[in-house]
Amino acid sequence: RHAARRLMLSELHFPKAEVLDLLQAHLEDSVQELRGIIRTIRPDLGAS
């Protein structure tokens, strides 16, 4: 469990091309949710 946390942190810092799609798929739901929350608070903001 400690190793998994350490490896995940390493991949978040320097994601390898071989596993980039796995990380993006794992994080996609939470990222989309956060985008929605931010747009609810500030609907005037642009994408960047």
All heavy atoms as atom14 arrays in JSON, in Angstrom:
{
  "sequence": "RHAARRLMLSELHFPKAEVLDLLQAHLEDSVQELRGIIRTIRPDLGAS",
  "atom14_mask": [
    [1, 1, 1, 1, 1, 1, 1, 1, 1, 1, 1, 0, 0, 0],
    [1, 1, 1, 1, 1, 1, 1, 1, 1, 1, 0, 0, 0, 0],
    [1, 1, 1, 1, 1, 0, 0, 0, 0, 0, 0, 0, 0, 0],
    [1, 1, 1, 1, 1, 0, 0, 0, 0, 0, 0, 0, 0, 0],
    [1, 1, 1, 1, 1, 1, 1, 1, 1, 1, 1, 0, 0, 0],
    [1, 1, 1, 1, 1, 1, 1, 1, 1, 1, 1, 0, 0, 0],
    [1, 1, 1, 1, 1, 1, 1, 1, 0, 0, 0, 0, 0, 0],
    [1, 1, 1, 1, 1, 1, 1, 1, 0, 0, 0, 0, 0, 0],
    [1, 1, 1, 1, 1, 1, 1, 1, 0, 0, 0, 0, 0, 0],
    [1, 1, 1, 1, 1, 1, 0, 0, 0, 0, 0, 0, 0, 0],
    [1, 1, 1, 1, 1, 1, 1, 1, 1, 0, 0, 0, 0, 0],
    [1, 1, 1, 1, 1, 1, 1, 1, 0, 0, 0, 0, 0, 0],
    [1, 1, 1, 1, 1, 1, 1, 1, 1, 1, 0, 0, 0, 0],
    [1, 1, 1, 1, 1, 1, 1, 1, 1, 1, 1, 0, 0, 0],
    [1, 1, 1, 1, 1, 1, 1, 0, 0, 0, 0, 0, 0, 0],
    [1, 1, 1, 1, 1, 1, 1, 1, 1, 0, 0, 0, 0, 0],
    [1, 1, 1, 1, 1, 0, 0, 0, 0, 0, 0, 0, 0, 0],
    [1, 1, 1, 1, 1, 1, 1, 1, 1, 0, 0, 0, 0, 0],
    [1, 1, 1, 1, 1, 1, 1, 0, 0, 0, 0, 0, 0, 0],
    [1, 1, 1, 1, 1, 1, 1, 1, 0, 0, 0, 0, 0, 0],
    [1, 1, 1, 1, 1, 1, 1, 1, 0, 0, 0, 0, 0, 0],
    [1, 1, 1, 1, 1, 1, 1, 1, 0, 0, 0, 0, 0, 0],
    [1, 1, 1, 1, 1, 1, 1, 1, 0, 0, 0, 0, 0, 0],
    [1, 1, 1, 1, 1, 1, 1, 1, 1, 0, 0, 0, 0, 0],
    [1, 1, 1, 1, 1, 0, 0, 0, 0, 0, 0, 0, 0, 0],
    [1, 1, 1, 1, 1, 1, 1, 1, 1, 1, 0, 0, 0, 0],
    [1, 1, 1, 1, 1, 1, 1, 1, 0, 0, 0, 0, 0, 0],
    [1, 1, 1, 1, 1, 1, 1, 1, 1, 0, 0, 0, 0, 0],
    [1, 1, 1, 1, 1, 1, 1, 1, 0, 0, 0, 0, 0, 0],
    [1, 1, 1, 1, 1, 1, 0, 0, 0, 0, 0, 0, 0, 0],
    [1, 1, 1, 1, 1, 1, 1, 0, 0, 0, 0, 0, 0, 0],
    [1, 1, 1, 1, 1, 1, 1, 1, 1, 0, 0, 0, 0, 0],
    [1, 1, 1, 1, 1, 1, 1, 1, 1, 0, 0, 0, 0, 0],
    [1, 1, 1, 1, 1, 1, 1, 1, 0, 0, 0, 0, 0, 0],
    [1, 1, 1, 1, 1, 1, 1, 1, 1, 1, 1, 0, 0, 0],
    [1, 1, 1, 1, 0, 0, 0, 0, 0, 0, 0, 0, 0, 0],
    [1, 1, 1, 1, 1, 1, 1, 1, 0, 0, 0, 0, 0, 0],
    [1, 1, 1, 1, 1, 1, 1, 1, 0, 0, 0, 0, 0, 0],
    [1, 1, 1, 1, 1, 1, 1, 1, 1, 1, 1, 0, 0, 0],
    [1, 1, 1, 1, 1, 1, 1, 0, 0, 0, 0, 0, 0, 0],
    [1, 1, 1, 1, 1, 1, 1, 1, 0, 0, 0, 0, 0, 0],
    [1, 1, 1, 1, 1, 1, 1, 1, 1, 1, 1, 0, 0, 0],
    [1, 1, 1, 1, 1, 1, 1, 0, 0, 0, 0, 0, 0, 0],
    [1, 1, 1, 1, 1, 1, 1, 1, 0, 0, 0, 0, 0, 0],
    [1, 1, 1, 1, 1, 1, 1, 1, 0, 0, 0, 0, 0, 0],
    [1, 1, 1, 1, 0, 0, 0, 0, 0, 0, 0, 0, 0, 0],
    [1, 1, 1, 1, 1, 0, 0, 0, 0, 0, 0, 0, 0, 0],
    [1, 1, 1, 1, 1, 1, 0, 0, 0, 0, 0, 0, 0, 0]
  ],
  "atom14_positions": [
    [[0.84, -1.2, 0.0], [0.0, 0.0, 0.0], [0.87, 1.26, 0.0], [0.59, 2.21, -0.71], [-0.94, -0.01, 1.21], [-1.92, 1.14, 1.22], [-2.98, 0.95, 2.29], [-3.85, -0.18, 1.97], [-4.88, -0.12, 1.15], [-5.18, 1.02, 0.54], [-5.62, -1.18, 0.92], [0.0, 0.0, 0.0], [0.0, 0.0, 0.0], [0.0, 0.0, 0.0]],
    [[1.94, 1.23, 0.8], [2.87, 2.37, 0.8], [3.54, 2.49, -0.57], [3.71, 3.6, -1.09], [3.93, 2.17, 1.88], [4.95, 3.26, 1.93], [4.7, 4.5, 2.47], [6.22, 3.29, 1.46], [5.77, 5.25, 2.36], [6.71, 4.55, 1.75], [0.0, 0.0, 0.0], [0.0, 0.0, 0.0], [0.0, 0.0, 0.0], [0.0, 0.0, 0.0]],
    [[3.92, 1.36, -1.16], [4.56, 1.37, -2.48], [3.62, 1.91, -3.55], [4.04, 2.67, -4.43], [5.02, -0.04, -2.84], [0.0, 0.0, 0.0], [0.0, 0.0, 0.0], [0.0, 0.0, 0.0], [0.0, 0.0, 0.0], [0.0, 0.0, 0.0], [0.0, 0.0, 0.0], [0.0, 0.0, 0.0], [0.0, 0.0, 0.0], [0.0, 0.0, 0.0]],
    [[2.34, 1.54, -3.47], [1.37, 2.03, -4.44], [1.22, 3.53, -4.36], [1.15, 4.23, -5.38], [0.02, 1.35, -4.21], [0.0, 0.0, 0.0], [0.0, 0.0, 0.0], [0.0, 0.0, 0.0], [0.0, 0.0, 0.0], [0.0, 0.0, 0.0], [0.0, 0.0, 0.0], [0.0, 0.0, 0.0], [0.0, 0.0, 0.0], [0.0, 0.0, 0.0]],
    [[1.2, 4.07, -3.16], [1.07, 5.51, -2.98], [2.31, 6.23, -3.54], [2.21, 7.26, -4.2], [0.9, 5.82, -1.5], [0.55, 7.25, -1.2], [0.16, 7.41, 0.25], [-1.06, 6.68, 0.55], [-2.0, 7.13, 1.36], [-1.86, 8.3, 1.92], [-3.08, 6.44, 1.59], [0.0, 0.0, 0.0], [0.0, 0.0, 0.0], [0.0, 0.0, 0.0]],
    [[3.47, 5.66, -3.27], [4.72, 6.26, -3.75], [4.8, 6.22, -5.28], [5.2, 7.19, -5.92], [5.9, 5.52, -3.14], [7.25, 6.11, -3.43], [8.32, 5.41, -2.63], [9.64, 5.97, -2.9], [10.74, 5.58, -2.3], [10.68, 4.66, -1.35], [11.9, 6.12, -2.61], [0.0, 0.0, 0.0], [0.0, 0.0, 0.0], [0.0, 0.0, 0.0]],
    [[4.4, 5.1, -5.86], [4.45, 4.96, -7.31], [3.42, 5.87, -7.98], [3.69, 6.47, -9.02], [4.21, 3.5, -7.71], [4.39, 3.16, -9.19], [5.79, 3.53, -9.67], [4.11, 1.69, -9.45], [0.0, 0.0, 0.0], [0.0, 0.0, 0.0], [0.0, 0.0, 0.0], [0.0, 0.0, 0.0], [0.0, 0.0, 0.0], [0.0, 0.0, 0.0]],
    [[2.25, 6.0, -7.38], [1.22, 6.87, -7.94], [1.69, 8.32, -7.94], [1.51, 9.05, -8.92], [-0.07, 6.75, -7.12], [-1.23, 7.55, -7.68], [-1.76, 6.96, -9.31], [-3.27, 7.9, -9.53], [0.0, 0.0, 0.0], [0.0, 0.0, 0.0], [0.0, 0.0, 0.0], [0.0, 0.0, 0.0], [0.0, 0.0, 0.0], [0.0, 0.0, 0.0]],
    [[2.33, 8.74, -6.86], [2.84, 10.1, -6.78], [3.91, 10.33, -7.85], [3.94, 11.38, -8.49], [3.42, 10.38, -5.39], [3.92, 11.8, -5.13], [2.8, 12.81, -5.33], [4.51, 11.91, -3.73], [0.0, 0.0, 0.0], [0.0, 0.0, 0.0], [0.0, 0.0, 0.0], [0.0, 0.0, 0.0], [0.0, 0.0, 0.0], [0.0, 0.0, 0.0]],
    [[4.75, 9.35, -8.06], [5.78, 9.45, -9.09], [5.16, 9.59, -10.48], [5.6, 10.4, -11.29], [6.69, 8.22, -9.04], [7.61, 8.22, -10.11], [0.0, 0.0, 0.0], [0.0, 0.0, 0.0], [0.0, 0.0, 0.0], [0.0, 0.0, 0.0], [0.0, 0.0, 0.0], [0.0, 0.0, 0.0], [0.0, 0.0, 0.0], [0.0, 0.0, 0.0]],
    [[4.12, 8.81, -10.74], [3.47, 8.86, -12.05], [2.72, 10.18, -12.24], [2.64, 10.68, -13.36], [2.53, 7.68, -12.22], [3.22, 6.39, -12.61], [3.94, 6.5, -13.95], [3.49, 7.26, -14.83], [4.98, 5.84, -14.11], [0.0, 0.0, 0.0], [0.0, 0.0, 0.0], [0.0, 0.0, 0.0], [0.0, 0.0, 0.0], [0.0, 0.0, 0.0]],
    [[2.16, 10.72, -11.18], [1.48, 12.0, -11.31], [2.47, 13.12, -11.62], [2.13, 14.08, -12.32], [0.72, 12.33, -10.01], [-0.51, 11.47, -9.73], [-1.1, 11.81, -8.36], [-1.56, 11.61, -10.81], [0.0, 0.0, 0.0], [0.0, 0.0, 0.0], [0.0, 0.0, 0.0], [0.0, 0.0, 0.0], [0.0, 0.0, 0.0], [0.0, 0.0, 0.0]],
    [[3.68, 12.98, -11.13], [4.72, 13.98, -11.43], [5.3, 13.79, -12.82], [5.45, 14.75, -13.58], [5.85, 13.88, -10.39], [5.57, 14.64, -9.14], [6.37, 14.56, -8.04], [4.57, 15.49, -8.81], [5.89, 15.34, -7.08], [4.79, 15.9, -7.53], [0.0, 0.0, 0.0], [0.0, 0.0, 0.0], [0.0, 0.0, 0.0], [0.0, 0.0, 0.0]],
    [[5.65, 12.54, -13.14], [6.32, 12.25, -14.41], [5.67, 11.04, -15.08], [6.23, 9.94, -15.07], [7.82, 11.98, -14.18], [8.53, 13.07, -13.44], [8.88, 12.91, -12.11], [8.84, 14.27, -14.07], [9.54, 13.93, -11.42], [9.48, 15.29, -13.4], [9.84, 15.11, -12.07], [0.0, 0.0, 0.0], [0.0, 0.0, 0.0], [0.0, 0.0, 0.0]],
    [[4.46, 11.23, -15.62], [3.76, 10.08, -16.22], [4.49, 9.54, -17.43], [4.97, 10.29, -18.27], [2.4, 10.67, -16.61], [2.63, 12.15, -16.72], [3.69, 12.48, -15.72], [0.0, 0.0, 0.0], [0.0, 0.0, 0.0], [0.0, 0.0, 0.0], [0.0, 0.0, 0.0], [0.0, 0.0, 0.0], [0.0, 0.0, 0.0], [0.0, 0.0, 0.0]],
    [[4.6, 8.22, -17.49], [5.26, 7.57, -18.61], [4.24, 7.37, -19.74], [3.07, 7.08, -19.5], [5.85, 6.23, -18.18], [7.0, 6.39, -17.2], [7.53, 5.03, -16.77], [8.7, 5.22, -15.82], [8.33, 6.01, -14.61], [0.0, 0.0, 0.0], [0.0, 0.0, 0.0], [0.0, 0.0, 0.0], [0.0, 0.0, 0.0], [0.0, 0.0, 0.0]],
    [[4.73, 7.49, -20.96], [3.85, 7.39, -22.13], [3.12, 6.05, -22.17], [1.98, 5.97, -22.62], [4.66, 7.58, -23.41], [0.0, 0.0, 0.0], [0.0, 0.0, 0.0], [0.0, 0.0, 0.0], [0.0, 0.0, 0.0], [0.0, 0.0, 0.0], [0.0, 0.0, 0.0], [0.0, 0.0, 0.0], [0.0, 0.0, 0.0], [0.0, 0.0, 0.0]],
    [[3.79, 4.99, -21.67], [3.2, 3.65, -21.73], [1.94, 3.51, -20.88], [1.13, 2.6, -21.13], [4.22, 2.6, -21.26], [5.44, 2.46, -22.15], [6.54, 3.45, -21.79], [6.29, 4.36, -20.97], [7.65, 3.32, -22.34], [0.0, 0.0, 0.0], [0.0, 0.0, 0.0], [0.0, 0.0, 0.0], [0.0, 0.0, 0.0], [0.0, 0.0, 0.0]],
    [[1.77, 4.37, -19.88], [0.62, 4.22, -18.97], [-0.22, 5.49, -18.9], [-1.14, 5.58, -18.08], [1.1, 3.83, -17.55], [1.8, 2.48, -17.57], [2.01, 4.91, -16.96], [0.0, 0.0, 0.0], [0.0, 0.0, 0.0], [0.0, 0.0, 0.0], [0.0, 0.0, 0.0], [0.0, 0.0, 0.0], [0.0, 0.0, 0.0], [0.0, 0.0, 0.0]],
    [[0.05, 6.44, -19.77], [-0.66, 7.72, -19.73], [-2.16, 7.52, -19.9], [-2.97, 8.15, -19.2], [-0.12, 8.65, -20.81], [-0.55, 10.12, -20.74], [-0.1, 10.74, -19.43], [0.03, 10.89, -21.92], [0.0, 0.0, 0.0], [0.0, 0.0, 0.0], [0.0, 0.0, 0.0], [0.0, 0.0, 0.0], [0.0, 0.0, 0.0], [0.0, 0.0, 0.0]],
    [[-2.56, 6.65, -20.8], [-3.98, 6.42, -21.03], [-4.67, 5.81, -19.81], [-5.83, 6.12, -19.52], [-4.19, 5.53, -22.26], [-3.58, 4.14, -22.08], [-2.44, 4.05, -21.57], [-4.25, 3.15, -22.44], [0.0, 0.0, 0.0], [0.0, 0.0, 0.0], [0.0, 0.0, 0.0], [0.0, 0.0, 0.0], [0.0, 0.0, 0.0], [0.0, 0.0, 0.0]],
    [[-3.96, 4.96, -19.06], [-4.54, 4.36, -17.86], [-4.79, 5.41, -16.78], [-5.83, 5.42, -16.14], [-3.59, 3.28, -17.31], [-3.29, 2.1, -18.23], [-2.3, 1.16, -17.56], [-4.57, 1.35, -18.6], [0.0, 0.0, 0.0], [0.0, 0.0, 0.0], [0.0, 0.0, 0.0], [0.0, 0.0, 0.0], [0.0, 0.0, 0.0], [0.0, 0.0, 0.0]],
    [[-3.82, 6.31, -16.61], [-3.96, 7.36, -15.61], [-5.07, 8.33, -15.98], [-5.87, 8.74, -15.13], [-2.63, 8.1, -15.45], [-1.46, 7.26, -14.93], [-0.16, 8.06, -15.02], [-1.7, 6.82, -13.49], [0.0, 0.0, 0.0], [0.0, 0.0, 0.0], [0.0, 0.0, 0.0], [0.0, 0.0, 0.0], [0.0, 0.0, 0.0], [0.0, 0.0, 0.0]],
    [[-5.13, 8.7, -17.25], [-6.17, 9.63, -17.7], [-7.56, 9.03, -17.51], [-8.49, 9.72, -17.07], [-5.94, 10.02, -19.16], [-4.73, 10.93, -19.36], [-4.42, 11.19, -20.82], [-4.67, 10.35, -21.68], [-3.88, 12.36, -21.1], [0.0, 0.0, 0.0], [0.0, 0.0, 0.0], [0.0, 0.0, 0.0], [0.0, 0.0, 0.0], [0.0, 0.0, 0.0]],
    [[-7.7, 7.76, -17.85], [-9.0, 7.09, -17.69], [-9.4, 7.02, -16.21], [-10.57, 7.21, -15.86], [-8.96, 5.69, -18.29], [0.0, 0.0, 0.0], [0.0, 0.0, 0.0], [0.0, 0.0, 0.0], [0.0, 0.0, 0.0], [0.0, 0.0, 0.0], [0.0, 0.0, 0.0], [0.0, 0.0, 0.0], [0.0, 0.0, 0.0], [0.0, 0.0, 0.0]],
    [[-8.42, 6.76, -15.34], [-8.7, 6.67, -13.91], [-9.12, 8.01, -13.33], [-9.99, 8.07, -12.46], [-7.45, 6.16, -13.18], [-7.6, 6.14, -11.69], [-8.37, 5.22, -11.02], [-7.08, 6.95, -10.73], [-8.33, 5.45, -9.73], [-7.54, 6.51, -9.52], [0.0, 0.0, 0.0], [0.0, 0.0, 0.0], [0.0, 0.0, 0.0], [0.0, 0.0, 0.0]],
    [[-8.53, 9.1, -13.81], [-8.78, 10.43, -13.25], [-9.91, 11.19, -13.95], [-10.35, 12.23, -13.46], [-7.5, 11.27, -13.34], [-6.31, 10.75, -12.53], [-5.04, 11.51, -12.9], [-6.57, 10.86, -11.04], [0.0, 0.0, 0.0], [0.0, 0.0, 0.0], [0.0, 0.0, 0.0], [0.0, 0.0, 0.0], [0.0, 0.0, 0.0], [0.0, 0.0, 0.0]],
    [[-10.39, 10.67, -15.08], [-11.32, 11.43, -15.92], [-12.58, 11.86, -15.17], [-12.99, 13.02, -15.25], [-11.7, 10.61, -17.15], [-12.61, 11.37, -18.1], [-12.93, 10.57, -19.36], [-12.49, 9.41, -19.46], [-13.64, 11.12, -20.22], [0.0, 0.0, 0.0], [0.0, 0.0, 0.0], [0.0, 0.0, 0.0], [0.0, 0.0, 0.0], [0.0, 0.0, 0.0]],
    [[-13.22, 10.95, -14.45], [-14.47, 11.29, -13.77], [-14.27, 12.4, -12.74], [-15.09, 13.34, -12.66], [-15.06, 10.05, -13.09], [-15.64, 9.07, -14.09], [-15.84, 9.46, -15.26], [-15.89, 7.91, -13.7], [0.0, 0.0, 0.0], [0.0, 0.0, 0.0], [0.0, 0.0, 0.0], [0.0, 0.0, 0.0], [0.0, 0.0, 0.0], [0.0, 0.0, 0.0]],
    [[-13.21, 12.31, -11.96], [-12.99, 13.32, -10.93], [-12.62, 14.67, -11.54], [-13.03, 15.72, -11.04], [-11.88, 12.87, -9.96], [-10.63, 12.79, -10.6], [0.0, 0.0, 0.0], [0.0, 0.0, 0.0], [0.0, 0.0, 0.0], [0.0, 0.0, 0.0], [0.0, 0.0, 0.0], [0.0, 0.0, 0.0], [0.0, 0.0, 0.0], [0.0, 0.0, 0.0]],
    [[-11.88, 14.66, -12.65], [-11.52, 15.91, -13.31], [-12.75, 16.58, -13.92], [-12.95, 17.8, -13.79], [-10.45, 15.66, -14.39], [-10.23, 16.9, -15.26], [-9.12, 15.26, -13.74], [0.0, 0.0, 0.0], [0.0, 0.0, 0.0], [0.0, 0.0, 0.0], [0.0, 0.0, 0.0], [0.0, 0.0, 0.0], [0.0, 0.0, 0.0], [0.0, 0.0, 0.0]],
    [[-13.61, 15.79, -14.57], [-14.82, 16.36, -15.14], [-15.74, 16.91, -14.06], [-16.39, 17.96, -14.24], [-15.56, 15.3, -15.97], [-14.84, 14.9, -17.24], [-14.56, 16.09, -18.16], [-15.38, 17.0, -18.3], [-13.39, 16.08, -18.79], [0.0, 0.0, 0.0], [0.0, 0.0, 0.0], [0.0, 0.0, 0.0], [0.0, 0.0, 0.0], [0.0, 0.0, 0.0]],
    [[-15.81, 16.23, -12.93], [-16.62, 16.72, -11.81], [-16.09, 18.05, -11.3], [-16.86, 18.99, -11.05], [-16.63, 15.68, -10.68], [-17.45, 16.08, -9.47], [-18.95, 15.94, -9.7], [-19.36, 15.45, -10.78], [-19.73, 16.32, -8.79], [0.0, 0.0, 0.0], [0.0, 0.0, 0.0], [0.0, 0.0, 0.0], [0.0, 0.0, 0.0], [0.0, 0.0, 0.0]],
    [[-14.78, 18.15, -11.15], [-14.19, 19.39, -10.66], [-14.41, 20.52, -11.65], [-14.71, 21.66, -11.24], [-12.68, 19.18, -10.4], [-11.92, 20.38, -9.85], [-12.58, 20.93, -8.59], [-10.46, 20.0, -9.58], [0.0, 0.0, 0.0], [0.0, 0.0, 0.0], [0.0, 0.0, 0.0], [0.0, 0.0, 0.0], [0.0, 0.0, 0.0], [0.0, 0.0, 0.0]],
    [[-14.28, 20.26, -12.93], [-14.58, 21.29, -13.94], [-16.03, 21.78, -13.79], [-16.3, 22.98, -13.86], [-14.37, 20.72, -15.35], [-12.92, 20.64, -15.78], [-12.82, 20.5, -17.29], [-11.44, 20.5, -17.73], [-10.78, 19.43, -18.16], [-11.39, 18.27, -18.21], [-9.53, 19.53, -18.56], [0.0, 0.0, 0.0], [0.0, 0.0, 0.0], [0.0, 0.0, 0.0]],
    [[-16.95, 20.85, -13.59], [-18.35, 21.23, -13.43], [-18.58, 22.08, -12.19], [-19.36, 23.03, -12.22], [0.0, 0.0, 0.0], [0.0, 0.0, 0.0], [0.0, 0.0, 0.0], [0.0, 0.0, 0.0], [0.0, 0.0, 0.0], [0.0, 0.0, 0.0], [0.0, 0.0, 0.0], [0.0, 0.0, 0.0], [0.0, 0.0, 0.0], [0.0, 0.0, 0.0]],
    [[-17.9, 21.75, -11.09], [-18.04, 22.52, -9.86], [-17.52, 23.94, -10.07], [-18.16, 24.93, -9.66], [-17.28, 21.83, -8.71], [-17.97, 20.51, -8.35], [-17.19, 22.74, -7.49], [-17.19, 19.65, -7.39], [0.0, 0.0, 0.0], [0.0, 0.0, 0.0], [0.0, 0.0, 0.0], [0.0, 0.0, 0.0], [0.0, 0.0, 0.0], [0.0, 0.0, 0.0]],
    [[-16.37, 24.07, -10.7], [-15.79, 25.39, -10.94], [-16.68, 26.22, -11.84], [-16.92, 27.41, -11.59], [-14.38, 25.24, -11.54], [-13.43, 24.61, -10.51], [-13.83, 26.6, -12.0], [-12.11, 24.17, -11.08], [0.0, 0.0, 0.0], [0.0, 0.0, 0.0], [0.0, 0.0, 0.0], [0.0, 0.0, 0.0], [0.0, 0.0, 0.0], [0.0, 0.0, 0.0]],
    [[-17.24, 25.6, -12.88], [-18.13, 26.34, -13.79], [-19.42, 26.75, -13.1], [-20.02, 27.77, -13.44], [-18.42, 25.48, -15.02], [-17.22, 25.34, -15.97], [-17.65, 24.76, -17.31], [-16.54, 24.7, -18.23], [-15.89, 23.59, -18.56], [-16.25, 22.43, -18.01], [-14.88, 23.62, -19.41], [0.0, 0.0, 0.0], [0.0, 0.0, 0.0], [0.0, 0.0, 0.0]],
    [[-19.88, 25.97, -12.13], [-21.07, 26.35, -11.39], [-20.81, 27.61, -10.56], [-21.66, 28.49, -10.45], [-21.5, 25.2, -10.45], [-21.8, 24.04, -11.25], [-22.73, 25.58, -9.65], [0.0, 0.0, 0.0], [0.0, 0.0, 0.0], [0.0, 0.0, 0.0], [0.0, 0.0, 0.0], [0.0, 0.0, 0.0], [0.0, 0.0, 0.0], [0.0, 0.0, 0.0]],
    [[-19.62, 27.7, -9.99], [-19.26, 28.87, -9.17], [-18.95, 30.07, -10.05], [-19.35, 31.2, -9.75], [-18.06, 28.53, -8.27], [-18.42, 27.4, -7.3], [-17.59, 29.78, -7.49], [-17.25, 26.86, -6.52], [0.0, 0.0, 0.0], [0.0, 0.0, 0.0], [0.0, 0.0, 0.0], [0.0, 0.0, 0.0], [0.0, 0.0, 0.0], [0.0, 0.0, 0.0]],
    [[-18.25, 29.83, -11.16], [-17.87, 30.92, -12.06], [-18.18, 30.54, -13.5], [-17.3, 30.12, -14.26], [-16.38, 31.22, -11.92], [-15.98, 31.95, -10.65], [-16.42, 33.41, -10.67], [-15.9, 34.14, -11.81], [-14.68, 34.71, -11.83], [-13.9, 34.62, -10.79], [-14.29, 35.37, -12.91], [0.0, 0.0, 0.0], [0.0, 0.0, 0.0], [0.0, 0.0, 0.0]],
    [[-19.44, 30.67, -13.93], [-19.82, 30.28, -15.29], [-19.18, 31.14, -16.38], [-19.22, 30.79, -17.55], [-21.34, 30.42, -15.3], [-21.65, 31.35, -14.18], [-20.6, 31.12, -13.15], [0.0, 0.0, 0.0], [0.0, 0.0, 0.0], [0.0, 0.0, 0.0], [0.0, 0.0, 0.0], [0.0, 0.0, 0.0], [0.0, 0.0, 0.0], [0.0, 0.0, 0.0]],
    [[-18.6, 32.27, -15.98], [-17.98, 33.18, -16.96], [-16.57, 32.78, -17.35], [-16.02, 33.33, -18.31], [-17.94, 34.6, -16.39], [-17.16, 34.67, -15.09], [-17.52, 33.92, -14.14], [-16.19, 35.44, -15.01], [0.0, 0.0, 0.0], [0.0, 0.0, 0.0], [0.0, 0.0, 0.0], [0.0, 0.0, 0.0], [0.0, 0.0, 0.0], [0.0, 0.0, 0.0]],
    [[-15.97, 31.85, -16.65], [-14.58, 31.51, -16.91], [-14.41, 30.74, -18.22], [-15.24, 29.9, -18.57], [-14.01, 30.67, -15.77], [-13.89, 31.34, -14.4], [-13.27, 30.38, -13.4], [-13.07, 32.63, -14.49], [0.0, 0.0, 0.0], [0.0, 0.0, 0.0], [0.0, 0.0, 0.0], [0.0, 0.0, 0.0], [0.0, 0.0, 0.0], [0.0, 0.0, 0.0]],
    [[-13.31, 31.01, -18.9], [-12.97, 30.26, -20.11], [-12.3, 28.95, -19.75], [-12.0, 28.67, -18.58], [0.0, 0.0, 0.0], [0.0, 0.0, 0.0], [0.0, 0.0, 0.0], [0.0, 0.0, 0.0], [0.0, 0.0, 0.0], [0.0, 0.0, 0.0], [0.0, 0.0, 0.0], [0.0, 0.0, 0.0], [0.0, 0.0, 0.0], [0.0, 0.0, 0.0]],
    [[-12.03, 28.14, -20.77], [-11.49, 26.8, -20.54], [-10.14, 26.84, -19.83], [-9.89, 26.05, -18.91], [-11.36, 26.07, -21.88], [0.0, 0.0, 0.0], [0.0, 0.0, 0.0], [0.0, 0.0, 0.0], [0.0, 0.0, 0.0], [0.0, 0.0, 0.0], [0.0, 0.0, 0.0], [0.0, 0.0, 0.0], [0.0, 0.0, 0.0], [0.0, 0.0, 0.0]],
    [[-9.25, 27.76, -20.25], [-7.93, 27.81, -19.62], [-8.02, 28.25, -18.17], [-7.25, 27.79, -17.31], [-7.01, 28.76, -20.4], [-7.47, 30.1, -20.32], [0.0, 0.0, 0.0], [0.0, 0.0, 0.0], [0.0, 0.0, 0.0], [0.0, 0.0, 0.0], [0.0, 0.0, 0.0], [0.0, 0.0, 0.0], [0.0, 0.0, 0.0], [0.0, 0.0, 0.0]]
  ]
}
